[in-house]
């Protein structure tokens, strides 16, 4: 994986590499990368992915409020949010804006954009001429997905996320085991 900064300087990414605003991260065929952000967030990118860090503020000395804005230009991404407030976390794809209201989701861009909720909630808004359309779809059931097929089209209703290959993302950041409530206690009637 490589990173290219705003001045065009390209570096190979290694463990401990530093990323900055305006950096474009590119993951080649067959590759993958996991980024750990200053706020504790994790971001996984699969091969043939490009992610631009548009803005990232966390505990800045100048008093700038915490916030992150990422642009997934292509490929697959999974993120687990960190300590930046969820309302200040924004991801854009070529077709959609995603506001995070939960903790774990996947974004895939190929023919359109597919957003898969893993845990928590997200809201998805379609893009038209680079601006949000105001047509927002809330996704709050884990295991469901919405599609934004082309720009200027509304997000679909949430549907079960079946048949979607996220194998590489699962190897980088495994999904937590589903939690099931404990069984109810067994009540034995006292002898009469």
C-alpha atoms as a PDB file:
ATOM      1  CA  UNK A   1       0.000   0.000   0.000  1.00  0.00           C
ATOM      2  CA  UNK A   2       1.136   3.532  -0.696  1.00  0.00           C
ATOM      3  CA  UNK A   3       0.200   7.026   0.386  1.00  0.00           C
ATOM      4  CA  UNK A   4       0.469  10.129  -1.785  1.00  0.00           C
ATOM      5  CA  UNK A   5       0.336  13.502  -0.037  1.00  0.00           C
ATOM      6  CA  UNK A   6      -1.066  16.795  -1.321  1.00  0.00           C
ATOM      7  CA  UNK A   7       2.345  17.723  -2.822  1.00  0.00           C
ATOM      8  CA  UNK A   8       2.473  14.455  -4.806  1.00  0.00           C
ATOM      9  CA  UNK A   9       5.092  12.719  -2.626  1.00  0.00           C
ATOM     10  CA  UNK A  10       4.385   8.971  -2.696  1.00  0.00           C
ATOM     11  CA  UNK A  11       5.604   6.624   0.071  1.00  0.00           C
ATOM     12  CA  UNK A  12       5.175   2.934   0.808  1.00  0.00           C
ATOM     13  CA  UNK A  13       3.166   2.380   3.971  1.00  0.00           C
ATOM     14  CA  UNK A  14       4.680   0.283   6.745  1.00  0.00           C
ATOM     15  CA  UNK A  15       3.755  -0.387  10.346  1.00  0.00           C
ATOM     16  CA  UNK A  16       4.015   2.939  12.169  1.00  0.00           C
ATOM     17  CA  UNK A  17       3.711   5.132   9.057  1.00  0.00           C
ATOM     18  CA  UNK A  18       2.133   8.528   9.648  1.00  0.00           C
ATOM     19  CA  UNK A  19      -0.790   9.731   7.538  1.00  0.00           C
ATOM     20  CA  UNK A  20      -2.041  13.282   7.195  1.00  0.00           C
ATOM     21  CA  UNK A  21      -4.976  15.200   5.801  1.00  0.00           C
ATOM     22  CA  UNK A  22      -5.186  15.124   2.009  1.00  0.00           C
ATOM     23  CA  UNK A  23      -3.243  11.829   1.841  1.00  0.00           C
ATOM     24  CA  UNK A  24      -4.518   9.337  -0.727  1.00  0.00           C
ATOM     25  CA  UNK A  25      -4.033   5.714   0.347  1.00  0.00           C
ATOM     26  CA  UNK A  26      -3.865   3.201  -2.511  1.00  0.00           C
ATOM     27  CA  UNK A  27      -3.946  -0.571  -1.969  1.00  0.00           C
ATOM     28  CA  UNK A  28      -2.865  -2.655  -4.976  1.00  0.00           C
ATOM     29  CA  UNK A  29      -4.318  -5.900  -6.311  1.00  0.00           C
ATOM     30  CA  UNK A  30      -4.249  -8.692  -3.753  1.00  0.00           C
ATOM     31  CA  UNK A  31      -3.143  -6.366  -0.955  1.00  0.00           C
ATOM     32  CA  UNK A  32      -4.880  -5.102   2.142  1.00  0.00           C
ATOM     33  CA  UNK A  33      -4.127  -2.707   4.965  1.00  0.00           C
ATOM     34  CA  UNK A  34      -5.426  -1.849   8.413  1.00  0.00           C
ATOM     35  CA  UNK A  35      -5.117   1.705   9.681  1.00  0.00           C
ATOM     36  CA  UNK A  36      -5.320   2.605  13.353  1.00  0.00           C
ATOM     37  CA  UNK A  37      -6.286   6.218  13.796  1.00  0.00           C
ATOM     38  CA  UNK A  38      -5.291   8.483  16.730  1.00  0.00           C
ATOM     39  CA  UNK A  39      -8.785   8.233  18.204  1.00  0.00           C
ATOM     40  CA  UNK A  40      -8.624   4.408  18.246  1.00  0.00           C
ATOM     41  CA  UNK A  41     -10.732   3.890  15.111  1.00  0.00           C
ATOM     42  CA  UNK A  42      -9.797   1.009  12.814  1.00  0.00           C
ATOM     43  CA  UNK A  43     -10.095   1.176   9.029  1.00  0.00           C
ATOM     44  CA  UNK A  44      -9.558  -1.854   6.791  1.00  0.00           C
ATOM     45  CA  UNK A  45      -9.022  -1.507   3.045  1.00  0.00           C
ATOM     46  CA  UNK A  46      -8.967  -4.435   0.629  1.00  0.00           C
ATOM     47  CA  UNK A  47      -7.021  -4.676  -2.624  1.00  0.00           C
ATOM     48  CA  UNK A  48      -7.813  -2.229  -5.437  1.00  0.00           C
ATOM     49  CA  UNK A  49      -9.019   0.367  -2.927  1.00  0.00           C
ATOM     50  CA  UNK A  50      -8.378   4.101  -2.728  1.00  0.00           C
ATOM     51  CA  UNK A  51      -9.177   6.198   0.338  1.00  0.00           C
ATOM     52  CA  UNK A  52      -8.519   9.917   0.766  1.00  0.00           C
ATOM     53  CA  UNK A  53      -8.309  11.496   4.216  1.00  0.00           C
ATOM     54  CA  UNK A  54     -10.117  14.771   3.566  1.00  0.00           C
ATOM     55  CA  UNK A  55     -10.075  15.979   7.183  1.00  0.00           C
ATOM     56  CA  UNK A  56      -9.060  14.484  10.512  1.00  0.00           C
ATOM     57  CA  UNK A  57      -9.078  16.363  13.830  1.00  0.00           C
ATOM     58  CA  UNK A  58      -8.658  14.689  17.200  1.00  0.00           C
ATOM     59  CA  UNK A  59      -7.561  16.436  20.395  1.00  0.00           C
ATOM     60  CA  UNK A  60      -5.949  19.213  18.381  1.00  0.00           C
ATOM     61  CA  UNK A  61      -3.989  21.826  20.344  1.00  0.00           C
ATOM     62  CA  UNK A  62      -5.617  24.654  18.362  1.00  0.00           C
ATOM     63  CA  UNK A  63      -9.061  23.769  19.746  1.00  0.00           C
ATOM     64  CA  UNK A  64     -10.404  22.498  16.413  1.00  0.00           C
ATOM     65  CA  UNK A  65     -13.448  20.295  17.167  1.00  0.00           C
ATOM     66  CA  UNK A  66     -12.919  16.569  16.663  1.00  0.00           C
ATOM     67  CA  UNK A  67     -14.074  15.284  13.291  1.00  0.00           C
ATOM     68  CA  UNK A  68     -13.222  13.062  10.352  1.00  0.00           C
ATOM     69  CA  UNK A  69     -14.144  13.164   6.682  1.00  0.00           C
ATOM     70  CA  UNK A  70     -13.032  10.295   4.464  1.00  0.00           C
ATOM     71  CA  UNK A  71     -13.568   9.693   0.749  1.00  0.00           C
ATOM     72  CA  UNK A  72     -13.626   6.092  -0.489  1.00  0.00           C
ATOM     73  CA  UNK A  73     -12.864   6.590  -4.164  1.00  0.00           C
ATOM     74  CA  UNK A  74     -13.055   2.872  -4.974  1.00  0.00           C
ATOM     75  CA  UNK A  75     -12.748  -0.559  -3.405  1.00  0.00           C
ATOM     76  CA  UNK A  76     -13.863  -1.955  -0.049  1.00  0.00           C
ATOM     77  CA  UNK A  77     -13.621  -0.474   3.429  1.00  0.00           C
ATOM     78  CA  UNK A  78     -14.645  -1.610   6.908  1.00  0.00           C
ATOM     79  CA  UNK A  79     -14.433   0.740   9.828  1.00  0.00           C
ATOM     80  CA  UNK A  80     -14.900   0.510  13.551  1.00  0.00           C
ATOM     81  CA  UNK A  81     -15.319   3.995  14.909  1.00  0.00           C
ATOM     82  CA  UNK A  82     -13.196   5.336  17.744  1.00  0.00           C
ATOM     83  CA  UNK A  83     -13.482   8.266  20.129  1.00  0.00           C
ATOM     84  CA  UNK A  84     -14.415  10.938  17.575  1.00  0.00           C
ATOM     85  CA  UNK A  85     -18.119  11.693  18.099  1.00  0.00           C
ATOM     86  CA  UNK A  86     -20.213   9.746  15.622  1.00  0.00           C
ATOM     87  CA  UNK A  87     -22.035  12.886  14.457  1.00  0.00           C
ATOM     88  CA  UNK A  88     -18.636  14.280  13.373  1.00  0.00           C
ATOM     89  CA  UNK A  89     -17.733  11.216  11.253  1.00  0.00           C
ATOM     90  CA  UNK A  90     -18.504  11.375   7.535  1.00  0.00           C
ATOM     91  CA  UNK A  91     -17.604   9.033   4.672  1.00  0.00           C
ATOM     92  CA  UNK A  92     -18.284   9.798   1.029  1.00  0.00           C
ATOM     93  CA  UNK A  93     -18.188   7.393  -1.915  1.00  0.00           C
ATOM     94  CA  UNK A  94     -18.651   8.297  -5.578  1.00  0.00           C
ATOM     95  CA  UNK A  95     -22.406   7.898  -5.082  1.00  0.00           C
ATOM     96  CA  UNK A  96     -23.289   8.429  -1.416  1.00  0.00           C
ATOM     97  CA  UNK A  97     -22.630  10.199   1.873  1.00  0.00           C
ATOM     98  CA  UNK A  98     -22.581   8.091   5.031  1.00  0.00           C
ATOM     99  CA  UNK A  99     -23.155   9.579   8.464  1.00  0.00           C
ATOM    100  CA  UNK A 100     -22.145   7.212  11.208  1.00  0.00           C
ATOM    101  CA  UNK A 101     -24.550   6.633  14.035  1.00  0.00           C
ATOM    102  CA  UNK A 102     -23.039   3.327  15.129  1.00  0.00           C
ATOM    103  CA  UNK A 103     -19.768   1.576  15.244  1.00  0.00           C
ATOM    104  CA  UNK A 104     -19.134  -0.984  12.479  1.00  0.00           C
ATOM    105  CA  UNK A 105     -20.029  -0.833   8.786  1.00  0.00           C
ATOM    106  CA  UNK A 106     -18.641  -1.775   5.373  1.00  0.00           C
ATOM    107  CA  UNK A 107     -18.589   0.368   2.236  1.00  0.00           C
ATOM    108  CA  UNK A 108     -18.069  -1.160  -1.210  1.00  0.00           C
ATOM    109  CA  UNK A 109     -17.764   0.773  -4.447  1.00  0.00           C
ATOM    110  CA  UNK A 110     -17.833  -0.892  -7.824  1.00  0.00           C
ATOM    111  CA  UNK A 111     -21.009  -0.475  -9.833  1.00  0.00           C
ATOM    112  CA  UNK A 112     -22.580   2.002  -7.451  1.00  0.00           C
ATOM    113  CA  UNK A 113     -22.043   2.059  -3.697  1.00  0.00           C
ATOM    114  CA  UNK A 114     -23.181  -0.578  -1.208  1.00  0.00           C
ATOM    115  CA  UNK A 115     -23.233   0.169   2.515  1.00  0.00           C
ATOM    116  CA  UNK A 116     -23.550  -2.771   4.913  1.00  0.00           C
ATOM    117  CA  UNK A 117     -24.356  -2.217   8.572  1.00  0.00           C
ATOM    118  CA  UNK A 118     -22.560  -4.590  10.938  1.00  0.00           C
ATOM    119  CA  UNK A 119     -23.295  -2.938  14.304  1.00  0.00           C
ATOM    120  CA  UNK A 120     -24.971   0.298  15.402  1.00  0.00           C
ATOM    121  CA  UNK A 121     -26.600   2.486  12.722  1.00  0.00           C
ATOM    122  CA  UNK A 122     -25.736   4.594   9.680  1.00  0.00           C
ATOM    123  CA  UNK A 123     -27.636   7.021   7.508  1.00  0.00           C
ATOM    124  CA  UNK A 124     -26.990   7.016   3.768  1.00  0.00           C
ATOM    125  CA  UNK A 125     -27.663   9.962   1.472  1.00  0.00           C
ATOM    126  CA  UNK A 126     -27.245   9.914  -2.301  1.00  0.00           C
ATOM    127  CA  UNK A 127     -24.969  12.420  -4.026  1.00  0.00           C
ATOM    128  CA  UNK A 128     -25.925  14.537  -7.036  1.00  0.00           C
ATOM    129  CA  UNK A 129     -23.333  16.851  -8.587  1.00  0.00           C
ATOM    130  CA  UNK A 130     -21.163  16.405  -5.484  1.00  0.00           C
ATOM    131  CA  UNK A 131     -23.892  17.504  -3.066  1.00  0.00           C
ATOM    132  CA  UNK A 132     -26.223  15.506  -0.856  1.00  0.00           C
ATOM    133  CA  UNK A 133     -29.755  15.189  -2.235  1.00  0.00           C
ATOM    134  CA  UNK A 134     -31.512  15.235   1.125  1.00  0.00           C
ATOM    135  CA  UNK A 135     -32.909  11.756   0.429  1.00  0.00           C
ATOM    136  CA  UNK A 136     -31.635   9.864   3.450  1.00  0.00           C
ATOM    137  CA  UNK A 137     -32.055   6.186   4.293  1.00  0.00           C
ATOM    138  CA  UNK A 138     -31.504   5.103   7.906  1.00  0.00           C
ATOM    139  CA  UNK A 139     -29.957   1.651   8.300  1.00  0.00           C
ATOM    140  CA  UNK A 140     -30.314   0.404  11.857  1.00  0.00           C
ATOM    141  CA  UNK A 141     -30.645  -3.382  11.544  1.00  0.00           C
ATOM    142  CA  UNK A 142     -27.276  -5.174  11.580  1.00  0.00           C
ATOM    143  CA  UNK A 143     -26.752  -7.424   8.572  1.00  0.00           C
ATOM    144  CA  UNK A 144     -28.719  -5.195   6.195  1.00  0.00           C
ATOM    145  CA  UNK A 145     -27.429  -3.148   3.279  1.00  0.00           C
ATOM    146  CA  UNK A 146     -28.503  -0.268   1.068  1.00  0.00           C
ATOM    147  CA  UNK A 147     -27.395   0.491  -2.467  1.00  0.00           C
ATOM    148  CA  UNK A 148     -26.932   3.790  -4.248  1.00  0.00           C
ATOM    149  CA  UNK A 149     -26.689   2.581  -7.830  1.00  0.00           C
ATOM    150  CA  UNK A 150     -25.753   5.835  -9.549  1.00  0.00           C
ATOM    151  CA  UNK A 151     -25.398   9.455  -8.551  1.00  0.00           C
ATOM    152  CA  UNK A 152     -28.679  11.325  -8.223  1.00  0.00           C
ATOM    153  CA  UNK A 153     -30.637   8.151  -7.322  1.00  0.00           C
ATOM    154  CA  UNK A 154     -32.130   7.514  -3.909  1.00  0.00           C
ATOM    155  CA  UNK A 155     -30.668   4.861  -1.626  1.00  0.00           C
ATOM    156  CA  UNK A 156     -32.612   1.589  -1.719  1.00  0.00           C
ATOM    157  CA  UNK A 157     -34.595   0.313   1.241  1.00  0.00           C
ATOM    158  CA  UNK A 158     -32.429  -1.791   3.581  1.00  0.00           C
ATOM    159  CA  UNK A 159     -32.273  -5.439   2.494  1.00  0.00           C
ATOM    160  CA  UNK A 160     -30.484  -8.457   3.999  1.00  0.00           C
ATOM    161  CA  UNK A 161     -26.803  -8.327   3.028  1.00  0.00           C
ATOM    162  CA  UNK A 162     -26.643 -11.744   1.385  1.00  0.00           C
ATOM    163  CA  UNK A 163     -24.090 -12.975  -1.148  1.00  0.00           C
ATOM    164  CA  UNK A 164     -21.729 -10.039  -0.648  1.00  0.00           C
ATOM    165  CA  UNK A 165     -18.076 -11.087  -0.551  1.00  0.00           C
ATOM    166  CA  UNK A 166     -16.286  -9.305   2.283  1.00  0.00           C
ATOM    167  CA  UNK A 167     -13.814 -12.151   2.897  1.00  0.00           C
ATOM    168  CA  UNK A 168     -10.763  -9.896   2.713  1.00  0.00           C
ATOM    169  CA  UNK A 169     -12.283  -7.363   5.114  1.00  0.00           C
ATOM    170  CA  UNK A 170     -13.096 -10.227   7.504  1.00  0.00           C
ATOM    171  CA  UNK A 171      -9.431 -11.271   7.559  1.00  0.00           C
ATOM    172  CA  UNK A 172      -8.271  -7.720   8.334  1.00  0.00           C
ATOM    173  CA  UNK A 173     -10.895  -6.792  10.929  1.00  0.00           C
ATOM    174  CA  UNK A 174     -12.968  -9.820  11.949  1.00  0.00           C
ATOM    175  CA  UNK A 175     -16.538  -9.092  12.889  1.00  0.00           C
ATOM    176  CA  UNK A 176     -17.320  -9.567  16.565  1.00  0.00           C
ATOM    177  CA  UNK A 177     -19.224 -12.717  17.433  1.00  0.00           C
ATOM    178  CA  UNK A 178     -22.950 -12.053  17.591  1.00  0.00           C
ATOM    179  CA  UNK A 179     -24.184 -11.583  21.084  1.00  0.00           C
ATOM    180  CA  UNK A 180     -27.147 -13.614  22.165  1.00  0.00           C
ATOM    181  CA  UNK A 181     -29.066 -12.922  25.327  1.00  0.00           C
ATOM    182  CA  UNK A 182     -28.552 -15.450  28.112  1.00  0.00           C
ATOM    183  CA  UNK A 183     -31.271 -18.079  28.398  1.00  0.00           C
ATOM    184  CA  UNK A 184     -33.992 -17.340  30.917  1.00  0.00           C
ATOM    185  CA  UNK A 185     -33.402 -18.850  34.355  1.00  0.00           C
ATOM    186  CA  UNK A 186     -35.010 -22.190  35.014  1.00  0.00           C
ATOM    187  CA  UNK A 187     -37.675 -21.867  37.653  1.00  0.00           C
ATOM    188  CA  UNK A 188     -38.418 -24.994  39.652  1.00  0.00           C
ATOM    189  CA  UNK A 189     -41.662 -24.977  41.503  1.00  0.00           C
ATOM    190  CA  UNK A 190     -41.104 -25.538  45.174  1.00  0.00           C
ATOM    191  CA  UNK A 191     -42.504 -28.818  46.488  1.00  0.00           C
ATOM    192  CA  UNK A 192     -45.978 -28.508  47.881  1.00  0.00           C
END
